[in-house]
Amino acid sequence: MYLNERLQLHEHMNKEDALNSIIELENFYTGLKSKLRGSPSEMVDKAWHAHILNTPMYFRFSETMFGKYLHHLPFWSGNREQAAELVDDIPMFEKLKALGIENMNETVWTYRSEKKMANDLQSERIE
């Protein structure tokens, strides 16, 4: 309930998008537990951030699910080499499908906000 409420109030998602983002966050965690490496989608990342903000809940979850604290490594230009080691060109959505996760919400994995698209274009120009 916490994640759903947070996504609706702070990320301005409707109930359906919030719920779908949480479900896909669970799929993302399943992939990480299965040793897949890759980035979450924009919507999944927002759900992950919301989860992290409730530190006691997230700490307990990490310890239970992964046996250790699951760190979130954000992308910024200073960590390109480290980020490149963790991610290849295959989208996480495709990796999760190959893992056998069914009925994923492709919209949650492919949606990009106008702000994100503008930031991506700016990053491409800098490179």
N, C-alpha and C. Protein backbone atom coordinates (compact mmCIF):
# COMPACT_ATOMS: atom_id res chain seq x y z
N MET A 1 0.82 -1.19 0.00
CA MET A 1 0.00 0.00 0.00
C MET A 1 0.87 1.26 0.00
N TYR A 2 1.97 1.20 0.75
CA TYR A 2 2.86 2.36 0.81
C TYR A 2 3.35 2.74 -0.59
N LEU A 3 3.85 1.74 -1.34
CA LEU A 3 4.40 2.05 -2.66
C LEU A 3 3.32 2.59 -3.59
N ASN A 4 2.16 1.98 -3.55
CA ASN A 4 1.07 2.42 -4.41
C ASN A 4 0.69 3.87 -4.09
N GLU A 5 0.54 4.17 -2.83
CA GLU A 5 0.18 5.53 -2.42
C GLU A 5 1.28 6.52 -2.80
N ARG A 6 2.51 6.16 -2.57
CA ARG A 6 3.63 7.07 -2.87
C ARG A 6 3.69 7.37 -4.36
N LEU A 7 3.53 6.34 -5.19
CA LEU A 7 3.59 6.55 -6.63
C LEU A 7 2.44 7.43 -7.12
N GLN A 8 1.28 7.26 -6.52
CA GLN A 8 0.15 8.09 -6.92
C GLN A 8 0.33 9.54 -6.48
N LEU A 9 0.78 9.74 -5.25
CA LEU A 9 0.89 11.09 -4.71
C LEU A 9 2.11 11.86 -5.21
N HIS A 10 3.25 11.18 -5.27
CA HIS A 10 4.49 11.88 -5.58
C HIS A 10 4.94 11.75 -7.03
N GLU A 11 4.50 10.69 -7.70
CA GLU A 11 4.86 10.51 -9.11
C GLU A 11 3.68 10.78 -10.03
N HIS A 12 2.54 11.10 -9.43
CA HIS A 12 1.32 11.45 -10.16
C HIS A 12 0.86 10.34 -11.11
N MET A 13 1.08 9.09 -10.68
CA MET A 13 0.58 7.95 -11.45
C MET A 13 -0.87 7.69 -11.07
N ASN A 14 -1.65 7.18 -12.02
CA ASN A 14 -2.99 6.74 -11.66
C ASN A 14 -2.87 5.38 -10.96
N LYS A 15 -3.96 4.89 -10.39
CA LYS A 15 -3.92 3.64 -9.62
C LYS A 15 -3.40 2.47 -10.45
N GLU A 16 -3.85 2.38 -11.69
CA GLU A 16 -3.44 1.27 -12.55
C GLU A 16 -1.94 1.31 -12.87
N ASP A 17 -1.44 2.49 -13.22
CA ASP A 17 -0.01 2.62 -13.52
C ASP A 17 0.84 2.34 -12.29
N ALA A 18 0.41 2.81 -11.14
CA ALA A 18 1.14 2.55 -9.91
C ALA A 18 1.20 1.05 -9.63
N LEU A 19 0.06 0.39 -9.71
CA LEU A 19 0.02 -1.06 -9.47
C LEU A 19 0.87 -1.80 -10.48
N ASN A 20 0.77 -1.46 -11.75
CA ASN A 20 1.58 -2.13 -12.78
C ASN A 20 3.07 -1.88 -12.57
N SER A 21 3.43 -0.69 -12.13
CA SER A 21 4.85 -0.39 -11.86
C SER A 21 5.37 -1.24 -10.70
N ILE A 22 4.54 -1.44 -9.69
CA ILE A 22 4.95 -2.27 -8.54
C ILE A 22 5.10 -3.73 -8.97
N ILE A 23 4.17 -4.22 -9.78
CA ILE A 23 4.27 -5.60 -10.27
C ILE A 23 5.54 -5.78 -11.09
N GLU A 24 5.84 -4.82 -11.94
CA GLU A 24 7.05 -4.92 -12.76
C GLU A 24 8.31 -4.72 -11.92
N LEU A 25 8.23 -3.98 -10.84
CA LEU A 25 9.37 -3.89 -9.91
C LEU A 25 9.64 -5.27 -9.32
N GLU A 26 8.58 -5.99 -8.96
CA GLU A 26 8.75 -7.35 -8.45
C GLU A 26 9.41 -8.24 -9.51
N ASN A 27 9.02 -8.09 -10.77
CA ASN A 27 9.66 -8.85 -11.84
C ASN A 27 11.13 -8.46 -11.98
N PHE A 28 11.42 -7.17 -11.85
CA PHE A 28 12.81 -6.70 -11.92
C PHE A 28 13.63 -7.32 -10.79
N TYR A 29 13.08 -7.33 -9.58
CA TYR A 29 13.78 -7.95 -8.46
C TYR A 29 14.01 -9.44 -8.71
N THR A 30 13.04 -10.10 -9.31
CA THR A 30 13.20 -11.52 -9.65
C THR A 30 14.38 -11.70 -10.61
N GLY A 31 14.48 -10.81 -11.57
CA GLY A 31 15.60 -10.86 -12.50
C GLY A 31 16.93 -10.65 -11.80
N LEU A 32 17.00 -9.69 -10.91
CA LEU A 32 18.24 -9.44 -10.17
C LEU A 32 18.60 -10.65 -9.31
N LYS A 33 17.59 -11.24 -8.68
CA LYS A 33 17.84 -12.43 -7.86
C LYS A 33 18.36 -13.58 -8.72
N SER A 34 17.95 -13.60 -9.98
CA SER A 34 18.40 -14.63 -10.92
C SER A 34 19.71 -14.25 -11.62
N LYS A 35 20.37 -13.22 -11.08
CA LYS A 35 21.68 -12.76 -11.56
C LYS A 35 21.64 -12.06 -12.91
N LEU A 36 20.46 -11.59 -13.34
CA LEU A 36 20.39 -10.78 -14.55
C LEU A 36 20.93 -9.39 -14.23
N ARG A 37 21.58 -8.79 -15.19
CA ARG A 37 22.08 -7.43 -15.03
C ARG A 37 21.38 -6.56 -16.06
N GLY A 38 20.95 -5.41 -15.62
CA GLY A 38 20.28 -4.50 -16.53
C GLY A 38 19.62 -3.38 -15.77
N SER A 39 19.12 -2.45 -16.51
CA SER A 39 18.49 -1.27 -15.92
C SER A 39 16.99 -1.43 -15.85
N PRO A 40 16.39 -0.86 -14.81
CA PRO A 40 14.93 -0.84 -14.78
C PRO A 40 14.42 0.21 -15.77
N SER A 41 13.17 0.08 -16.12
CA SER A 41 12.56 1.12 -16.95
C SER A 41 12.34 2.37 -16.09
N GLU A 42 11.92 3.43 -16.72
CA GLU A 42 11.66 4.68 -15.99
C GLU A 42 10.60 4.47 -14.90
N MET A 43 9.50 3.79 -15.26
CA MET A 43 8.43 3.58 -14.28
C MET A 43 8.85 2.62 -13.17
N VAL A 44 9.59 1.57 -13.52
CA VAL A 44 10.08 0.63 -12.52
C VAL A 44 11.07 1.33 -11.60
N ASP A 45 11.90 2.18 -12.16
CA ASP A 45 12.87 2.92 -11.35
C ASP A 45 12.18 3.83 -10.35
N LYS A 46 11.07 4.45 -10.76
CA LYS A 46 10.33 5.30 -9.82
C LYS A 46 9.78 4.46 -8.67
N ALA A 47 9.31 3.26 -8.97
CA ALA A 47 8.82 2.38 -7.91
C ALA A 47 9.97 1.94 -7.01
N TRP A 48 11.13 1.66 -7.59
CA TRP A 48 12.30 1.27 -6.81
C TRP A 48 12.71 2.41 -5.88
N HIS A 49 12.73 3.62 -6.39
CA HIS A 49 13.08 4.78 -5.55
C HIS A 49 12.09 4.92 -4.40
N ALA A 50 10.81 4.75 -4.69
CA ALA A 50 9.80 4.84 -3.63
C ALA A 50 10.04 3.76 -2.58
N HIS A 51 10.41 2.58 -3.01
CA HIS A 51 10.69 1.48 -2.08
C HIS A 51 11.89 1.81 -1.19
N ILE A 52 12.93 2.32 -1.80
CA ILE A 52 14.15 2.66 -1.07
C ILE A 52 13.89 3.73 -0.01
N LEU A 53 12.99 4.65 -0.29
CA LEU A 53 12.74 5.75 0.65
C LEU A 53 12.18 5.27 1.99
N ASN A 54 11.51 4.15 2.00
CA ASN A 54 11.06 3.58 3.27
C ASN A 54 12.19 2.64 3.71
N THR A 55 13.23 3.23 4.30
CA THR A 55 14.47 2.48 4.55
C THR A 55 14.30 1.23 5.41
N PRO A 56 13.50 1.25 6.48
CA PRO A 56 13.36 0.00 7.25
C PRO A 56 12.72 -1.12 6.41
N MET A 57 11.68 -0.77 5.65
CA MET A 57 11.01 -1.75 4.80
C MET A 57 11.98 -2.29 3.74
N TYR A 58 12.69 -1.38 3.08
CA TYR A 58 13.61 -1.77 2.02
C TYR A 58 14.77 -2.60 2.56
N PHE A 59 15.29 -2.24 3.72
CA PHE A 59 16.39 -3.00 4.31
C PHE A 59 15.94 -4.43 4.62
N ARG A 60 14.77 -4.57 5.26
CA ARG A 60 14.25 -5.91 5.57
C ARG A 60 14.03 -6.72 4.29
N PHE A 61 13.45 -6.06 3.30
CA PHE A 61 13.21 -6.73 2.02
C PHE A 61 14.52 -7.21 1.41
N SER A 62 15.51 -6.33 1.33
CA SER A 62 16.81 -6.68 0.74
C SER A 62 17.45 -7.86 1.46
N GLU A 63 17.45 -7.80 2.77
CA GLU A 63 18.05 -8.88 3.56
C GLU A 63 17.33 -10.20 3.31
N THR A 64 16.01 -10.15 3.26
CA THR A 64 15.23 -11.37 3.06
C THR A 64 15.37 -11.90 1.64
N MET A 65 15.26 -11.03 0.66
CA MET A 65 15.25 -11.45 -0.75
C MET A 65 16.64 -11.76 -1.29
N PHE A 66 17.63 -10.96 -0.91
CA PHE A 66 18.96 -11.08 -1.50
C PHE A 66 20.04 -11.50 -0.51
N GLY A 67 19.71 -11.52 0.78
CA GLY A 67 20.70 -11.87 1.79
C GLY A 67 21.67 -10.75 2.09
N LYS A 68 21.43 -9.60 1.52
CA LYS A 68 22.28 -8.42 1.73
C LYS A 68 21.49 -7.20 1.28
N TYR A 69 22.03 -6.03 1.57
CA TYR A 69 21.39 -4.79 1.14
C TYR A 69 21.58 -4.64 -0.37
N LEU A 70 20.49 -4.45 -1.09
CA LEU A 70 20.56 -4.25 -2.53
C LEU A 70 20.73 -2.76 -2.81
N HIS A 71 21.90 -2.40 -3.28
CA HIS A 71 22.18 -1.00 -3.58
C HIS A 71 21.60 -0.61 -4.92
N HIS A 72 21.30 0.65 -5.05
CA HIS A 72 20.82 1.23 -6.29
C HIS A 72 21.93 2.12 -6.81
N LEU A 73 22.44 1.82 -7.97
CA LEU A 73 23.53 2.61 -8.55
C LEU A 73 22.96 3.48 -9.66
N PRO A 74 22.76 4.76 -9.37
CA PRO A 74 22.20 5.63 -10.42
C PRO A 74 23.23 5.90 -11.50
N PHE A 75 22.74 6.21 -12.68
CA PHE A 75 23.64 6.57 -13.77
C PHE A 75 24.00 8.04 -13.69
N TRP A 76 25.23 8.32 -13.88
CA TRP A 76 25.72 9.69 -14.10
C TRP A 76 27.01 9.55 -14.87
N SER A 77 27.44 10.60 -15.49
CA SER A 77 28.58 10.50 -16.42
C SER A 77 29.84 10.00 -15.74
N GLY A 78 29.97 10.20 -14.44
CA GLY A 78 31.17 9.78 -13.74
C GLY A 78 31.28 8.28 -13.51
N ASN A 79 30.20 7.54 -13.72
CA ASN A 79 30.30 6.10 -13.49
C ASN A 79 29.99 5.30 -14.75
N ARG A 80 30.23 5.85 -15.91
CA ARG A 80 29.92 5.16 -17.17
C ARG A 80 30.61 3.81 -17.26
N GLU A 81 31.88 3.72 -16.88
CA GLU A 81 32.60 2.46 -17.00
C GLU A 81 32.00 1.40 -16.08
N GLN A 82 31.72 1.78 -14.84
CA GLN A 82 31.13 0.83 -13.91
C GLN A 82 29.74 0.42 -14.37
N ALA A 83 28.95 1.36 -14.84
CA ALA A 83 27.61 1.06 -15.33
C ALA A 83 27.68 0.16 -16.55
N ALA A 84 28.65 0.39 -17.43
CA ALA A 84 28.79 -0.43 -18.64
C ALA A 84 29.10 -1.88 -18.29
N GLU A 85 29.79 -2.13 -17.19
CA GLU A 85 30.08 -3.50 -16.77
C GLU A 85 28.82 -4.24 -16.35
N LEU A 86 27.82 -3.51 -15.87
CA LEU A 86 26.61 -4.12 -15.34
C LEU A 86 25.51 -4.28 -16.38
N VAL A 87 25.59 -3.53 -17.47
CA VAL A 87 24.49 -3.51 -18.42
C VAL A 87 25.02 -3.79 -19.83
N ASP A 88 24.29 -4.61 -20.59
CA ASP A 88 24.63 -4.82 -21.99
C ASP A 88 23.52 -4.20 -22.85
N ASP A 89 23.52 -4.50 -24.12
CA ASP A 89 22.55 -3.88 -25.02
C ASP A 89 21.18 -4.55 -25.03
N ILE A 90 21.02 -5.65 -24.33
CA ILE A 90 19.74 -6.34 -24.30
C ILE A 90 18.87 -5.71 -23.22
N PRO A 91 17.70 -5.21 -23.58
CA PRO A 91 16.83 -4.58 -22.58
C PRO A 91 16.41 -5.57 -21.49
N MET A 92 16.28 -5.08 -20.28
CA MET A 92 15.89 -5.92 -19.16
C MET A 92 14.55 -6.60 -19.42
N PHE A 93 13.65 -5.92 -20.10
CA PHE A 93 12.36 -6.51 -20.44
C PHE A 93 12.56 -7.81 -21.21
N GLU A 94 13.46 -7.80 -22.19
CA GLU A 94 13.73 -9.00 -22.99
C GLU A 94 14.39 -10.09 -22.15
N LYS A 95 15.28 -9.70 -21.26
CA LYS A 95 15.94 -10.68 -20.39
C LYS A 95 14.93 -11.36 -19.47
N LEU A 96 13.98 -10.57 -18.94
CA LEU A 96 12.96 -11.13 -18.05
C LEU A 96 12.04 -12.08 -18.81
N LYS A 97 11.69 -11.73 -20.05
CA LYS A 97 10.89 -12.64 -20.87
C LYS A 97 11.64 -13.95 -21.10
N ALA A 98 12.93 -13.85 -21.42
CA ALA A 98 13.74 -15.05 -21.64
C ALA A 98 13.87 -15.90 -20.37
N LEU A 99 13.80 -15.25 -19.22
CA LEU A 99 13.85 -15.94 -17.94
C LEU A 99 12.56 -16.75 -17.71
N GLY A 100 11.51 -16.39 -18.45
CA GLY A 100 10.25 -17.12 -18.33
C GLY A 100 9.16 -16.35 -17.61
N ILE A 101 9.40 -15.09 -17.32
CA ILE A 101 8.36 -14.29 -16.67
C ILE A 101 7.32 -13.94 -17.73
N GLU A 102 6.10 -14.29 -17.44
CA GLU A 102 5.01 -14.08 -18.41
C GLU A 102 4.13 -12.92 -18.00
N ASN A 103 3.34 -12.47 -18.95
CA ASN A 103 2.33 -11.43 -18.72
C ASN A 103 2.90 -10.12 -18.17
N MET A 104 4.10 -9.78 -18.60
CA MET A 104 4.66 -8.50 -18.17
C MET A 104 3.94 -7.36 -18.89
N ASN A 105 3.95 -6.21 -18.28
CA ASN A 105 3.32 -5.03 -18.84
C ASN A 105 4.37 -4.28 -19.67
N GLU A 106 4.30 -4.46 -20.97
CA GLU A 106 5.30 -3.86 -21.85
C GLU A 106 5.30 -2.34 -21.78
N THR A 107 4.14 -1.75 -21.55
CA THR A 107 4.06 -0.29 -21.46
C THR A 107 4.92 0.23 -20.30
N VAL A 108 4.90 -0.46 -19.17
CA VAL A 108 5.72 -0.06 -18.03
C VAL A 108 7.20 -0.12 -18.39
N TRP A 109 7.57 -1.06 -19.25
CA TRP A 109 8.98 -1.23 -19.62
C TRP A 109 9.43 -0.33 -20.75
N THR A 110 8.49 0.21 -21.53
CA THR A 110 8.89 1.01 -22.69
C THR A 110 8.52 2.48 -22.58
N TYR A 111 7.69 2.85 -21.62
CA TYR A 111 7.26 4.25 -21.46
C TYR A 111 8.46 5.13 -21.16
N ARG A 112 8.50 6.28 -21.83
CA ARG A 112 9.51 7.30 -21.53
C ARG A 112 8.81 8.64 -21.48
N SER A 113 8.98 9.34 -20.38
CA SER A 113 8.37 10.65 -20.24
C SER A 113 9.04 11.64 -21.18
N GLU A 114 8.37 12.74 -21.42
CA GLU A 114 8.96 13.79 -22.27
C GLU A 114 10.27 14.29 -21.67
N LYS A 115 10.30 14.41 -20.35
CA LYS A 115 11.52 14.87 -19.67
C LYS A 115 12.66 13.88 -19.91
N LYS A 116 12.37 12.60 -19.80
CA LYS A 116 13.39 11.56 -20.00
C LYS A 116 13.88 11.57 -21.44
N MET A 117 12.96 11.72 -22.40
CA MET A 117 13.36 11.76 -23.80
C MET A 117 14.26 12.97 -24.07
N ALA A 118 13.93 14.10 -23.49
CA ALA A 118 14.76 15.30 -23.66
C ALA A 118 16.14 15.10 -23.04
N ASN A 119 16.19 14.49 -21.86
CA ASN A 119 17.48 14.22 -21.22
C ASN A 119 18.31 13.24 -22.04
N ASP A 120 17.67 12.22 -22.62
CA ASP A 120 18.39 11.25 -23.45
C ASP A 120 18.96 11.92 -24.69
N LEU A 121 18.18 12.81 -25.31
CA LEU A 121 18.67 13.53 -26.47
C LEU A 121 19.86 14.41 -26.12
N GLN A 122 19.78 15.07 -24.96
CA GLN A 122 20.88 15.92 -24.51
C GLN A 122 22.13 15.08 -24.27
N SER A 123 21.98 13.93 -23.66
CA SER A 123 23.12 13.04 -23.39
C SER A 123 23.77 12.58 -24.69
N GLU A 124 22.96 12.26 -25.69
CA GLU A 124 23.49 11.84 -26.99
C GLU A 124 24.29 12.95 -27.64
N ARG A 125 23.87 14.17 -27.48
CA ARG A 125 24.57 15.32 -28.08
C ARG A 125 25.92 15.54 -27.41
N ILE A 126 25.98 15.29 -26.10
CA ILE A 126 27.22 15.47 -25.34
C ILE A 126 28.25 14.43 -25.74
N GLU A 127 27.80 13.21 -25.97
CA GLU A 127 28.72 12.12 -26.33
C GLU A 127 29.29 12.40 -27.69
